């Protein structure tokens, strides 16, 4: 996931293929919600560790030093209307290359000596094993003119290695924030709901991550 060291990381990411004639370089994606819910269905204690243990991401380079801390899994806020239902996952934060070192906990003790840290470490390894499982990944070689669009706080992305001497590769990335995305969705839904009726027994619902 990108830019998790921001207080408000972008919600939607675009990968637009301008040119891709190299050998290799396929993009691959994994649904982090699916992986986390697999853990939730088998071990609530491990899942709770992902929801509560603070993890810091940072970017420290030259004149820039971004830094933000949040749990790996963020649940939807409690809602009285759904008090009897289990809270769904709202967003996730998973970007090991940009994780800051674990050093001290809130009491000033070494994190490595904390049982909560060891519990989180086991939970993170379990989550990573599910993300890395081939059956939980989708691979796509983008062609010129194609654009992959996905939720940055849900879908993990990476690429396979490629041979730069075999051709050209140019993928242009862009982001939009969740407020702009949901605003446009609502206006389009309002516009087109008058032109098309849902199937019998069906209903309209707002798009959720």
N, C-alpha and C. Protein backbone atom coordinates (compact mmCIF):
# COMPACT_ATOMS: atom_id res chain seq x y z
N UNK A 1 0.84 -1.18 0.00
CA UNK A 1 0.00 0.00 0.00
C UNK A 1 0.89 1.24 0.00
N UNK A 2 0.39 2.29 -0.61
CA UNK A 2 1.20 3.49 -0.79
C UNK A 2 0.87 4.58 0.22
N UNK A 3 1.90 5.34 0.59
CA UNK A 3 1.78 6.58 1.36
C UNK A 3 1.10 6.40 2.71
N UNK A 4 1.39 5.28 3.38
CA UNK A 4 0.79 5.04 4.69
C UNK A 4 1.41 5.92 5.77
N UNK A 5 2.49 6.61 5.46
CA UNK A 5 3.08 7.55 6.41
C UNK A 5 2.36 8.89 6.38
N UNK A 6 1.33 9.04 5.55
CA UNK A 6 0.47 10.22 5.58
C UNK A 6 -0.63 10.02 6.63
N UNK A 7 -1.12 11.10 7.20
CA UNK A 7 -2.25 11.01 8.11
C UNK A 7 -3.50 10.52 7.37
N UNK A 8 -3.66 10.94 6.12
CA UNK A 8 -4.80 10.52 5.30
C UNK A 8 -4.27 9.97 3.97
N UNK A 9 -3.89 8.69 3.94
CA UNK A 9 -3.39 8.12 2.69
C UNK A 9 -4.48 8.13 1.62
N UNK A 10 -4.10 8.23 0.35
CA UNK A 10 -5.11 8.24 -0.72
C UNK A 10 -5.88 6.93 -0.75
N UNK A 11 -7.15 7.03 -1.14
CA UNK A 11 -8.03 5.86 -1.12
C UNK A 11 -7.96 5.06 -2.42
N UNK A 12 -7.93 5.76 -3.54
CA UNK A 12 -8.00 5.09 -4.84
C UNK A 12 -6.70 5.32 -5.60
N UNK A 13 -6.19 4.26 -6.18
CA UNK A 13 -4.94 4.36 -6.93
C UNK A 13 -5.16 3.91 -8.38
N UNK A 14 -4.47 4.60 -9.28
CA UNK A 14 -4.51 4.28 -10.71
C UNK A 14 -3.10 3.89 -11.17
N UNK A 15 -2.99 2.83 -11.93
CA UNK A 15 -1.74 2.46 -12.60
C UNK A 15 -2.03 2.41 -14.10
N UNK A 16 -1.61 3.45 -14.80
CA UNK A 16 -1.89 3.57 -16.23
C UNK A 16 -0.67 3.14 -17.03
N UNK A 17 -0.85 2.14 -17.87
CA UNK A 17 0.27 1.64 -18.67
C UNK A 17 0.45 2.50 -19.91
N UNK A 18 1.53 3.24 -19.96
CA UNK A 18 1.86 4.05 -21.13
C UNK A 18 2.60 3.22 -22.17
N UNK A 19 3.51 2.40 -21.68
CA UNK A 19 4.32 1.56 -22.58
C UNK A 19 4.78 0.33 -21.80
N UNK A 20 4.72 -0.84 -22.41
CA UNK A 20 5.18 -2.04 -21.73
C UNK A 20 5.53 -3.12 -22.74
N UNK A 21 6.78 -3.14 -23.16
CA UNK A 21 7.25 -4.13 -24.12
C UNK A 21 8.38 -4.99 -23.54
N UNK A 22 8.59 -4.89 -22.22
CA UNK A 22 9.68 -5.65 -21.61
C UNK A 22 9.27 -7.09 -21.37
N UNK A 23 10.25 -7.90 -21.10
CA UNK A 23 10.02 -9.28 -20.71
C UNK A 23 9.85 -9.33 -19.20
N UNK A 24 8.69 -9.80 -18.73
CA UNK A 24 8.41 -9.84 -17.29
C UNK A 24 7.67 -8.58 -16.87
N UNK A 25 7.73 -8.27 -15.57
CA UNK A 25 7.13 -7.04 -15.06
C UNK A 25 5.63 -7.09 -14.85
N UNK A 26 5.06 -8.29 -14.73
CA UNK A 26 3.63 -8.39 -14.48
C UNK A 26 3.28 -7.77 -13.13
N UNK A 27 2.14 -7.10 -13.07
CA UNK A 27 1.63 -6.59 -11.80
C UNK A 27 0.87 -7.70 -11.09
N UNK A 28 0.92 -7.70 -9.76
CA UNK A 28 0.08 -8.65 -9.04
C UNK A 28 -0.51 -7.97 -7.81
N UNK A 29 -1.70 -8.46 -7.45
CA UNK A 29 -2.51 -7.81 -6.43
C UNK A 29 -3.02 -8.84 -5.43
N UNK A 30 -3.27 -8.39 -4.20
CA UNK A 30 -3.83 -9.25 -3.16
C UNK A 30 -4.85 -8.45 -2.35
N UNK A 31 -5.95 -9.09 -1.98
CA UNK A 31 -7.00 -8.45 -1.21
C UNK A 31 -6.68 -8.60 0.28
N UNK A 32 -6.24 -7.52 0.91
CA UNK A 32 -5.85 -7.56 2.32
C UNK A 32 -7.05 -7.79 3.23
N UNK A 33 -8.23 -7.31 2.83
CA UNK A 33 -9.44 -7.57 3.62
C UNK A 33 -9.71 -9.07 3.70
N UNK A 34 -9.58 -9.73 2.57
CA UNK A 34 -9.83 -11.18 2.53
C UNK A 34 -8.87 -11.91 3.45
N UNK A 35 -7.60 -11.54 3.40
CA UNK A 35 -6.59 -12.19 4.25
C UNK A 35 -6.91 -11.95 5.72
N UNK A 36 -7.25 -10.71 6.08
CA UNK A 36 -7.54 -10.39 7.48
C UNK A 36 -8.79 -11.11 7.96
N UNK A 37 -9.79 -11.23 7.10
CA UNK A 37 -11.01 -11.93 7.50
C UNK A 37 -10.79 -13.43 7.63
N UNK A 38 -9.82 -13.97 6.89
CA UNK A 38 -9.45 -15.37 7.09
C UNK A 38 -8.91 -15.57 8.51
N UNK A 39 -8.09 -14.63 8.96
CA UNK A 39 -7.57 -14.69 10.33
C UNK A 39 -8.70 -14.53 11.33
N UNK A 40 -9.57 -13.59 11.07
CA UNK A 40 -10.68 -13.32 12.00
C UNK A 40 -11.56 -14.55 12.19
N UNK A 41 -11.77 -15.31 11.14
CA UNK A 41 -12.65 -16.47 11.22
C UNK A 41 -12.02 -17.64 11.96
N UNK A 42 -10.70 -17.59 12.16
CA UNK A 42 -10.02 -18.72 12.81
C UNK A 42 -9.45 -18.37 14.17
N UNK A 43 -9.09 -17.09 14.40
CA UNK A 43 -8.45 -16.74 15.66
C UNK A 43 -8.70 -15.27 15.98
N UNK A 44 -9.69 -15.01 16.82
CA UNK A 44 -10.05 -13.64 17.17
C UNK A 44 -8.95 -12.94 17.95
N UNK A 45 -8.17 -13.68 18.74
CA UNK A 45 -7.09 -13.07 19.52
C UNK A 45 -6.02 -12.51 18.59
N UNK A 46 -5.64 -13.29 17.59
CA UNK A 46 -4.65 -12.84 16.62
C UNK A 46 -5.19 -11.65 15.84
N UNK A 47 -6.45 -11.73 15.44
CA UNK A 47 -7.07 -10.63 14.71
C UNK A 47 -7.09 -9.35 15.55
N UNK A 48 -7.41 -9.48 16.84
CA UNK A 48 -7.45 -8.32 17.73
C UNK A 48 -6.09 -7.66 17.85
N UNK A 49 -5.02 -8.45 17.79
CA UNK A 49 -3.67 -7.87 17.82
C UNK A 49 -3.44 -6.97 16.62
N UNK A 50 -3.92 -7.38 15.45
CA UNK A 50 -3.78 -6.56 14.25
C UNK A 50 -4.61 -5.28 14.35
N UNK A 51 -5.68 -5.33 15.15
CA UNK A 51 -6.58 -4.16 15.30
C UNK A 51 -6.10 -3.18 16.36
N UNK A 52 -5.19 -3.58 17.22
CA UNK A 52 -4.85 -2.75 18.37
C UNK A 52 -3.38 -2.35 18.46
N UNK A 53 -2.47 -3.18 17.96
CA UNK A 53 -1.05 -2.88 18.13
C UNK A 53 -0.62 -1.76 17.19
N UNK A 54 -0.03 -0.67 17.71
CA UNK A 54 0.35 0.46 16.86
C UNK A 54 1.59 0.16 16.01
N UNK A 55 1.49 0.49 14.74
CA UNK A 55 2.59 0.28 13.80
C UNK A 55 2.88 1.61 13.11
N UNK A 56 4.13 2.01 13.08
CA UNK A 56 4.52 3.28 12.47
C UNK A 56 5.10 3.06 11.08
N UNK A 57 4.64 3.87 10.13
CA UNK A 57 5.25 3.92 8.80
C UNK A 57 5.91 5.29 8.64
N UNK A 58 7.03 5.31 7.94
CA UNK A 58 7.72 6.59 7.78
C UNK A 58 8.44 6.65 6.44
N UNK A 59 8.75 7.89 6.05
CA UNK A 59 9.57 8.16 4.88
C UNK A 59 10.53 9.26 5.28
N UNK A 60 11.80 8.91 5.41
CA UNK A 60 12.83 9.83 5.86
C UNK A 60 13.91 9.92 4.80
N UNK A 61 13.86 11.01 4.02
CA UNK A 61 14.78 11.13 2.88
C UNK A 61 15.05 12.60 2.61
N UNK A 62 16.26 13.04 2.89
CA UNK A 62 16.64 14.42 2.62
C UNK A 62 15.82 15.41 3.43
N UNK A 63 15.11 16.29 2.73
CA UNK A 63 14.31 17.32 3.39
C UNK A 63 12.91 16.83 3.76
N UNK A 64 12.63 15.54 3.60
CA UNK A 64 11.29 15.01 3.87
C UNK A 64 11.36 13.94 4.96
N UNK A 65 10.50 14.06 5.93
CA UNK A 65 10.38 13.04 6.97
C UNK A 65 8.91 12.93 7.38
N UNK A 66 8.21 12.00 6.72
CA UNK A 66 6.81 11.74 7.04
C UNK A 66 6.75 10.59 8.04
N UNK A 67 5.73 10.63 8.93
CA UNK A 67 5.71 9.68 10.04
C UNK A 67 4.29 9.60 10.57
N UNK A 68 3.70 8.37 10.58
CA UNK A 68 2.37 8.24 11.14
C UNK A 68 2.19 6.82 11.70
N UNK A 69 1.43 6.74 12.80
CA UNK A 69 1.24 5.47 13.50
C UNK A 69 -0.24 5.12 13.56
N UNK A 70 -0.57 3.87 13.22
CA UNK A 70 -1.93 3.35 13.32
C UNK A 70 -1.86 1.83 13.35
N UNK A 71 -2.91 1.14 13.79
CA UNK A 71 -2.91 -0.33 13.74
C UNK A 71 -2.96 -0.84 12.30
N UNK A 72 -2.64 -2.09 12.11
CA UNK A 72 -2.69 -2.69 10.78
C UNK A 72 -4.11 -2.75 10.26
N UNK A 73 -5.06 -3.07 11.12
CA UNK A 73 -6.48 -3.17 10.74
C UNK A 73 -7.27 -2.09 11.46
N UNK A 74 -8.06 -1.32 10.72
CA UNK A 74 -8.97 -0.34 11.31
C UNK A 74 -10.39 -0.78 11.02
N UNK A 75 -11.20 -0.91 12.08
CA UNK A 75 -12.59 -1.31 11.93
C UNK A 75 -13.49 -0.10 11.75
N UNK A 76 -14.68 -0.35 11.19
CA UNK A 76 -15.65 0.72 11.09
C UNK A 76 -16.01 1.25 12.48
N UNK A 77 -16.35 2.53 12.61
CA UNK A 77 -16.78 3.05 13.92
C UNK A 77 -18.03 2.33 14.40
N UNK A 78 -18.20 2.22 15.72
CA UNK A 78 -19.43 1.60 16.25
C UNK A 78 -20.66 2.37 15.78
N UNK A 79 -21.72 1.64 15.52
CA UNK A 79 -22.96 2.24 15.06
C UNK A 79 -24.11 1.60 15.82
N UNK A 80 -24.90 2.43 16.50
CA UNK A 80 -25.98 1.90 17.33
C UNK A 80 -26.98 1.08 16.50
N UNK A 81 -27.15 1.45 15.25
CA UNK A 81 -28.10 0.73 14.40
C UNK A 81 -27.65 -0.69 14.11
N UNK A 82 -26.33 -0.92 14.25
CA UNK A 82 -25.79 -2.24 13.96
C UNK A 82 -25.04 -2.79 15.17
N UNK A 83 -25.53 -2.43 16.35
CA UNK A 83 -24.83 -2.82 17.58
C UNK A 83 -24.71 -4.32 17.72
N UNK A 84 -25.68 -5.05 17.18
CA UNK A 84 -25.65 -6.51 17.33
C UNK A 84 -24.81 -7.19 16.27
N UNK A 85 -24.34 -6.43 15.29
CA UNK A 85 -23.57 -7.01 14.20
C UNK A 85 -22.08 -6.77 14.40
N UNK A 86 -21.28 -7.63 13.82
CA UNK A 86 -19.83 -7.50 13.92
C UNK A 86 -19.35 -6.34 13.06
N UNK A 87 -18.49 -5.50 13.59
CA UNK A 87 -17.96 -4.36 12.84
C UNK A 87 -17.11 -4.85 11.69
N UNK A 88 -17.31 -4.27 10.53
CA UNK A 88 -16.56 -4.65 9.35
C UNK A 88 -15.21 -3.92 9.32
N UNK A 89 -14.31 -4.43 8.50
CA UNK A 89 -13.03 -3.77 8.30
C UNK A 89 -13.26 -2.51 7.47
N UNK A 90 -12.73 -1.39 7.94
CA UNK A 90 -12.85 -0.13 7.21
C UNK A 90 -11.65 0.10 6.30
N UNK A 91 -10.45 -0.18 6.80
CA UNK A 91 -9.23 0.02 6.01
C UNK A 91 -8.09 -0.77 6.64
N UNK A 92 -7.02 -0.92 5.88
CA UNK A 92 -5.84 -1.61 6.39
C UNK A 92 -4.59 -0.83 6.05
N UNK A 93 -3.53 -1.12 6.80
CA UNK A 93 -2.23 -0.47 6.59
C UNK A 93 -1.16 -1.55 6.56
N UNK A 94 -0.62 -1.81 5.38
CA UNK A 94 0.39 -2.87 5.25
C UNK A 94 1.40 -2.46 4.18
N UNK A 95 2.57 -2.05 4.61
CA UNK A 95 3.64 -1.65 3.70
C UNK A 95 4.97 -1.87 4.41
N UNK A 96 5.40 -3.12 4.57
CA UNK A 96 6.64 -3.42 5.31
C UNK A 96 7.87 -2.62 4.88
N UNK A 97 8.07 -2.32 3.58
CA UNK A 97 9.27 -1.55 3.21
C UNK A 97 9.32 -0.15 3.83
N UNK A 98 8.16 0.37 4.25
CA UNK A 98 8.13 1.71 4.82
C UNK A 98 7.79 1.70 6.31
N UNK A 99 7.96 0.55 6.93
CA UNK A 99 7.70 0.46 8.36
C UNK A 99 8.89 1.01 9.14
N UNK A 100 8.59 1.82 10.14
CA UNK A 100 9.65 2.35 11.01
C UNK A 100 10.06 1.26 12.01
N UNK A 101 11.28 1.35 12.56
CA UNK A 101 11.72 0.34 13.54
C UNK A 101 10.86 0.37 14.79
N UNK A 102 10.63 -0.81 15.36
CA UNK A 102 10.00 -0.90 16.68
C UNK A 102 11.08 -0.64 17.72
N UNK A 103 10.84 0.33 18.60
CA UNK A 103 11.87 0.67 19.58
C UNK A 103 11.33 0.63 21.01
N UNK A 104 10.50 1.61 21.36
CA UNK A 104 10.00 1.73 22.73
C UNK A 104 8.48 1.72 22.72
N UNK A 105 7.89 1.16 23.77
CA UNK A 105 6.44 1.24 23.90
C UNK A 105 6.06 2.52 24.63
N UNK A 106 4.78 2.68 24.95
CA UNK A 106 4.31 3.92 25.57
C UNK A 106 4.89 4.14 26.97
N UNK A 107 5.37 3.07 27.60
CA UNK A 107 5.94 3.18 28.94
C UNK A 107 7.46 3.32 28.91
N UNK A 108 8.04 3.39 27.71
CA UNK A 108 9.48 3.56 27.59
C UNK A 108 10.28 2.28 27.63
N UNK A 109 9.60 1.13 27.67
CA UNK A 109 10.32 -0.15 27.68
C UNK A 109 10.58 -0.61 26.25
N UNK A 110 11.56 -1.47 26.10
CA UNK A 110 11.85 -2.03 24.78
C UNK A 110 10.66 -2.83 24.29
N UNK A 111 10.21 -2.53 23.08
CA UNK A 111 9.07 -3.24 22.52
C UNK A 111 9.35 -4.74 22.43
N UNK A 112 10.61 -5.09 22.11
CA UNK A 112 10.95 -6.50 21.94
C UNK A 112 10.72 -7.31 23.21
N UNK A 113 10.66 -6.65 24.36
CA UNK A 113 10.44 -7.35 25.61
C UNK A 113 8.96 -7.47 25.96
N UNK A 114 8.09 -6.92 25.13
CA UNK A 114 6.66 -6.90 25.42
C UNK A 114 5.97 -8.12 24.84
N UNK A 115 5.14 -8.81 25.63
CA UNK A 115 4.37 -9.94 25.08
C UNK A 115 3.40 -9.50 24.00
N UNK A 116 2.91 -8.25 24.09
CA UNK A 116 2.01 -7.75 23.05
C UNK A 116 2.74 -7.61 21.72
N UNK A 117 4.03 -7.23 21.78
CA UNK A 117 4.82 -7.15 20.55
C UNK A 117 5.01 -8.53 19.95
N UNK A 118 5.34 -9.52 20.77
CA UNK A 118 5.53 -10.87 20.25
C UNK A 118 4.23 -11.42 19.66
N UNK A 119 3.12 -11.06 20.28
CA UNK A 119 1.82 -11.49 19.76
C UNK A 119 1.55 -10.83 18.41
N UNK A 120 1.87 -9.52 18.32
CA UNK A 120 1.67 -8.85 17.04
C UNK A 120 2.58 -9.42 15.96
N UNK A 121 3.81 -9.71 16.32
CA UNK A 121 4.76 -10.25 15.35
C UNK A 121 4.23 -11.56 14.76
N UNK A 122 3.67 -12.42 15.60
CA UNK A 122 3.10 -13.68 15.12
C UNK A 122 1.90 -13.41 14.21
N UNK A 123 1.08 -12.42 14.59
CA UNK A 123 -0.09 -12.08 13.79
C UNK A 123 0.33 -11.52 12.42
N UNK A 124 1.36 -10.67 12.42
CA UNK A 124 1.84 -10.09 11.17
C UNK A 124 2.42 -11.16 10.25
N UNK A 125 3.13 -12.12 10.82
CA UNK A 125 3.68 -13.21 10.00
C UNK A 125 2.56 -14.05 9.39
N UNK A 126 1.51 -14.27 10.17
CA UNK A 126 0.36 -15.03 9.67
C UNK A 126 -0.32 -14.27 8.53
N UNK A 127 -0.53 -12.97 8.73
CA UNK A 127 -1.14 -12.15 7.68
C UNK A 127 -0.28 -12.16 6.42
N UNK A 128 1.02 -12.02 6.58
CA UNK A 128 1.92 -12.01 5.43
C UNK A 128 1.87 -13.34 4.67
N UNK A 129 1.77 -14.46 5.40
CA UNK A 129 1.71 -15.76 4.73
C UNK A 129 0.47 -15.89 3.87
N UNK A 130 -0.65 -15.30 4.32
CA UNK A 130 -1.88 -15.35 3.52
C UNK A 130 -1.78 -14.42 2.31
N UNK A 131 -1.18 -13.25 2.51
CA UNK A 131 -1.01 -12.32 1.39
C UNK A 131 -0.11 -12.92 0.32
N UNK A 132 0.93 -13.64 0.75
CA UNK A 132 1.91 -14.19 -0.18
C UNK A 132 1.43 -15.48 -0.84
N UNK A 133 0.37 -16.08 -0.34
CA UNK A 133 -0.11 -17.34 -0.91
C UNK A 133 -0.56 -17.13 -2.36
N UNK A 134 -0.04 -17.91 -3.30
CA UNK A 134 -0.38 -17.71 -4.72
C UNK A 134 -1.87 -17.72 -4.99
N UNK A 135 -2.63 -18.56 -4.25
CA UNK A 135 -4.07 -18.64 -4.51
C UNK A 135 -4.80 -17.38 -4.07
N UNK A 136 -4.15 -16.53 -3.29
CA UNK A 136 -4.76 -15.28 -2.84
C UNK A 136 -4.29 -14.07 -3.64
N UNK A 137 -3.59 -14.32 -4.75
CA UNK A 137 -3.08 -13.23 -5.57
C UNK A 137 -3.66 -13.28 -6.98
N UNK A 138 -3.75 -12.11 -7.57
CA UNK A 138 -4.21 -11.99 -8.96
C UNK A 138 -3.10 -11.31 -9.76
N UNK A 139 -2.71 -11.92 -10.85
CA UNK A 139 -1.60 -11.40 -11.67
C UNK A 139 -2.13 -10.87 -12.99
N UNK A 140 -1.56 -9.73 -13.42
CA UNK A 140 -2.02 -9.07 -14.63
C UNK A 140 -0.84 -8.36 -15.30
N UNK A 141 -0.63 -8.64 -16.56
CA UNK A 141 0.37 -7.92 -17.34
C UNK A 141 -0.35 -6.80 -18.09
N UNK A 142 -0.13 -5.58 -17.65
CA UNK A 142 -0.81 -4.45 -18.26
C UNK A 142 -0.26 -4.18 -19.66
N UNK A 143 -1.18 -3.91 -20.57
CA UNK A 143 -0.81 -3.56 -21.94
C UNK A 143 -0.98 -2.07 -22.16
N UNK A 144 -0.37 -1.56 -23.21
CA UNK A 144 -0.44 -0.14 -23.50
C UNK A 144 -1.90 0.33 -23.54
N UNK A 145 -2.19 1.40 -22.80
CA UNK A 145 -3.53 1.97 -22.77
C UNK A 145 -4.41 1.42 -21.65
N UNK A 146 -4.00 0.32 -21.00
CA UNK A 146 -4.80 -0.24 -19.92
C UNK A 146 -4.49 0.47 -18.61
N UNK A 147 -5.46 0.48 -17.72
CA UNK A 147 -5.30 1.14 -16.43
C UNK A 147 -5.91 0.27 -15.34
N UNK A 148 -5.13 -0.05 -14.33
CA UNK A 148 -5.63 -0.78 -13.17
C UNK A 148 -6.05 0.23 -12.12
N UNK A 149 -7.28 0.08 -11.61
CA UNK A 149 -7.83 0.99 -10.60
C UNK A 149 -8.21 0.17 -9.38
N UNK A 150 -7.72 0.55 -8.21
CA UNK A 150 -7.99 -0.25 -7.02
C UNK A 150 -7.95 0.62 -5.77
N UNK A 151 -8.52 0.09 -4.68
CA UNK A 151 -8.57 0.78 -3.40
C UNK A 151 -7.23 0.60 -2.69
N UNK A 152 -6.53 1.69 -2.46
CA UNK A 152 -5.19 1.65 -1.88
C UNK A 152 -5.17 1.13 -0.45
N UNK A 153 -6.27 1.31 0.31
CA UNK A 153 -6.29 0.86 1.70
C UNK A 153 -6.88 -0.54 1.85
N UNK A 154 -7.06 -1.21 0.72
CA UNK A 154 -7.55 -2.59 0.74
C UNK A 154 -6.67 -3.53 -0.10
N UNK A 155 -6.33 -3.10 -1.30
CA UNK A 155 -5.64 -3.96 -2.25
C UNK A 155 -4.13 -3.68 -2.23
N UNK A 156 -3.37 -4.74 -2.03
CA UNK A 156 -1.90 -4.65 -2.07
C UNK A 156 -1.44 -4.85 -3.50
N UNK A 157 -0.37 -4.17 -3.87
CA UNK A 157 0.11 -4.32 -5.24
C UNK A 157 1.63 -4.39 -5.27
N UNK A 158 2.14 -5.07 -6.27
CA UNK A 158 3.58 -5.18 -6.49
C UNK A 158 3.78 -5.60 -7.95
N UNK A 159 5.00 -5.88 -8.32
CA UNK A 159 5.27 -6.35 -9.68
C UNK A 159 6.35 -7.41 -9.67
N UNK A 160 6.35 -8.22 -10.70
CA UNK A 160 7.42 -9.20 -10.89
C UNK A 160 8.65 -8.49 -11.49
N UNK A 161 9.77 -9.14 -11.38
CA UNK A 161 10.98 -8.56 -11.96
C UNK A 161 10.87 -8.55 -13.49
N UNK A 162 11.62 -7.64 -14.11
CA UNK A 162 11.62 -7.58 -15.57
C UNK A 162 13.02 -7.26 -16.07
N UNK A 163 13.23 -7.54 -17.36
CA UNK A 163 14.53 -7.29 -18.00
C UNK A 163 14.47 -5.93 -18.68
N UNK A 164 15.13 -4.89 -18.13
CA UNK A 164 15.04 -3.55 -18.72
C UNK A 164 15.66 -3.45 -20.11
N UNK A 165 16.51 -4.40 -20.47
CA UNK A 165 17.14 -4.35 -21.80
C UNK A 165 16.24 -4.96 -22.88
N UNK A 166 15.10 -5.53 -22.47
CA UNK A 166 14.24 -6.23 -23.43
C UNK A 166 13.19 -5.32 -24.07
N UNK A 167 13.08 -4.08 -23.60
CA UNK A 167 12.08 -3.18 -24.17
C UNK A 167 11.87 -1.96 -23.28
N UNK A 168 10.68 -1.38 -23.35
CA UNK A 168 10.35 -0.20 -22.57
C UNK A 168 9.22 -0.52 -21.59
N UNK A 169 9.26 0.16 -20.43
CA UNK A 169 8.19 -0.02 -19.45
C UNK A 169 7.93 1.32 -18.76
N UNK A 170 6.71 1.81 -18.90
CA UNK A 170 6.34 3.07 -18.28
C UNK A 170 4.92 2.94 -17.74
N UNK A 171 4.81 2.86 -16.43
CA UNK A 171 3.52 2.85 -15.76
C UNK A 171 3.39 4.15 -14.96
N UNK A 172 2.36 4.92 -15.26
CA UNK A 172 2.13 6.20 -14.58
C UNK A 172 1.09 6.02 -13.48
N UNK A 173 1.46 6.40 -12.26
CA UNK A 173 0.55 6.26 -11.15
C UNK A 173 -0.13 7.57 -10.79
N UNK A 174 -1.31 7.47 -10.20
CA UNK A 174 -2.05 8.65 -9.72
C UNK A 174 -2.97 8.21 -8.59
N UNK A 175 -3.44 9.19 -7.79
CA UNK A 175 -4.30 8.89 -6.65
C UNK A 175 -5.45 9.88 -6.59
N UNK A 176 -6.56 9.45 -5.94
CA UNK A 176 -7.59 10.39 -5.54
C UNK A 176 -8.01 10.03 -4.11
N UNK A 177 -8.49 11.02 -3.36
CA UNK A 177 -8.88 10.75 -1.98
C UNK A 177 -10.29 10.17 -1.93
N UNK A 178 -10.63 9.57 -0.81
CA UNK A 178 -11.90 8.85 -0.70
C UNK A 178 -13.09 9.79 -0.78
N UNK A 179 -12.97 11.02 -0.29
CA UNK A 179 -14.10 11.94 -0.32
C UNK A 179 -14.49 12.30 -1.76
N UNK A 180 -13.50 12.58 -2.60
CA UNK A 180 -13.78 12.89 -4.00
C UNK A 180 -14.39 11.69 -4.71
N UNK A 181 -13.88 10.51 -4.40
CA UNK A 181 -14.37 9.27 -5.03
C UNK A 181 -15.83 9.02 -4.67
N UNK A 182 -16.14 9.10 -3.37
CA UNK A 182 -17.51 8.82 -2.95
C UNK A 182 -18.48 9.93 -3.37
N UNK A 183 -17.98 11.17 -3.44
CA UNK A 183 -18.81 12.26 -3.94
C UNK A 183 -19.23 12.00 -5.38
N UNK A 184 -18.28 11.62 -6.22
CA UNK A 184 -18.61 11.35 -7.61
C UNK A 184 -19.54 10.15 -7.74
N UNK A 185 -19.32 9.13 -6.91
CA UNK A 185 -20.20 7.96 -6.95
C UNK A 185 -21.63 8.35 -6.62
N UNK A 186 -21.81 9.18 -5.59
CA UNK A 186 -23.16 9.57 -5.17
C UNK A 186 -23.86 10.40 -6.26
N UNK A 187 -23.12 11.32 -6.88
CA UNK A 187 -23.75 12.16 -7.90
C UNK A 187 -24.13 11.32 -9.13
N UNK A 188 -23.27 10.37 -9.50
CA UNK A 188 -23.60 9.51 -10.63
C UNK A 188 -24.77 8.58 -10.31
N UNK A 189 -24.81 8.08 -9.06
CA UNK A 189 -25.91 7.22 -8.66
C UNK A 189 -27.23 7.98 -8.72
N UNK A 190 -27.22 9.24 -8.25
CA UNK A 190 -28.43 10.06 -8.30
C UNK A 190 -28.85 10.32 -9.74
N UNK A 191 -27.88 10.56 -10.59
CA UNK A 191 -28.17 10.86 -11.99
C UNK A 191 -28.78 9.67 -12.71
N UNK A 192 -28.23 8.48 -12.50
CA UNK A 192 -28.63 7.33 -13.29
C UNK A 192 -29.73 6.49 -12.63
N UNK A 193 -30.02 6.71 -11.36
CA UNK A 193 -31.07 5.91 -10.72
C UNK A 193 -32.43 6.25 -11.31
N UNK A 194 -32.56 7.44 -11.92
CA UNK A 194 -33.83 7.83 -12.53
C UNK A 194 -33.96 7.24 -13.94
N UNK A 195 -32.87 6.72 -14.48
CA UNK A 195 -32.90 6.19 -15.84
C UNK A 195 -32.99 4.67 -15.86
N UNK A 196 -32.69 4.05 -14.72
CA UNK A 196 -32.66 2.59 -14.70
C UNK A 196 -33.14 2.12 -13.34
N UNK A 197 -34.04 1.18 -13.32
CA UNK A 197 -34.57 0.64 -12.08
C UNK A 197 -33.83 -0.62 -11.70
N UNK A 198 -33.69 -0.88 -10.41
CA UNK A 198 -33.03 -2.11 -10.00
C UNK A 198 -33.88 -3.32 -10.34
N UNK A 199 -33.25 -4.46 -10.40
CA UNK A 199 -33.97 -5.70 -10.67
C UNK A 199 -35.00 -5.94 -9.58
N UNK A 200 -36.09 -6.69 -9.88
CA UNK A 200 -37.10 -6.98 -8.85
C UNK A 200 -36.46 -7.54 -7.59
N UNK A 201 -36.82 -6.92 -6.47
CA UNK A 201 -36.25 -7.37 -5.21
C UNK A 201 -34.89 -6.79 -4.93
N UNK A 202 -34.31 -6.05 -5.90
CA UNK A 202 -32.98 -5.49 -5.71
C UNK A 202 -33.05 -4.12 -5.07
N UNK A 203 -31.89 -3.52 -4.83
CA UNK A 203 -31.85 -2.20 -4.21
C UNK A 203 -30.52 -1.56 -4.55
N UNK A 204 -30.48 -0.27 -4.39
CA UNK A 204 -29.23 0.47 -4.59
C UNK A 204 -28.51 0.57 -3.26
N UNK A 205 -27.22 0.56 -3.29
CA UNK A 205 -26.44 0.76 -2.08
C UNK A 205 -25.19 1.54 -2.43
N UNK A 206 -24.69 2.31 -1.46
CA UNK A 206 -23.46 3.06 -1.69
C UNK A 206 -22.28 2.11 -1.77
N UNK A 207 -21.33 2.51 -2.59
CA UNK A 207 -20.15 1.68 -2.75
C UNK A 207 -19.29 1.76 -1.50
N UNK A 208 -18.90 0.60 -1.03
CA UNK A 208 -18.03 0.49 0.15
C UNK A 208 -16.72 -0.13 -0.29
N UNK A 209 -15.60 0.28 0.38
CA UNK A 209 -14.29 -0.25 0.03
C UNK A 209 -14.30 -1.77 -0.07
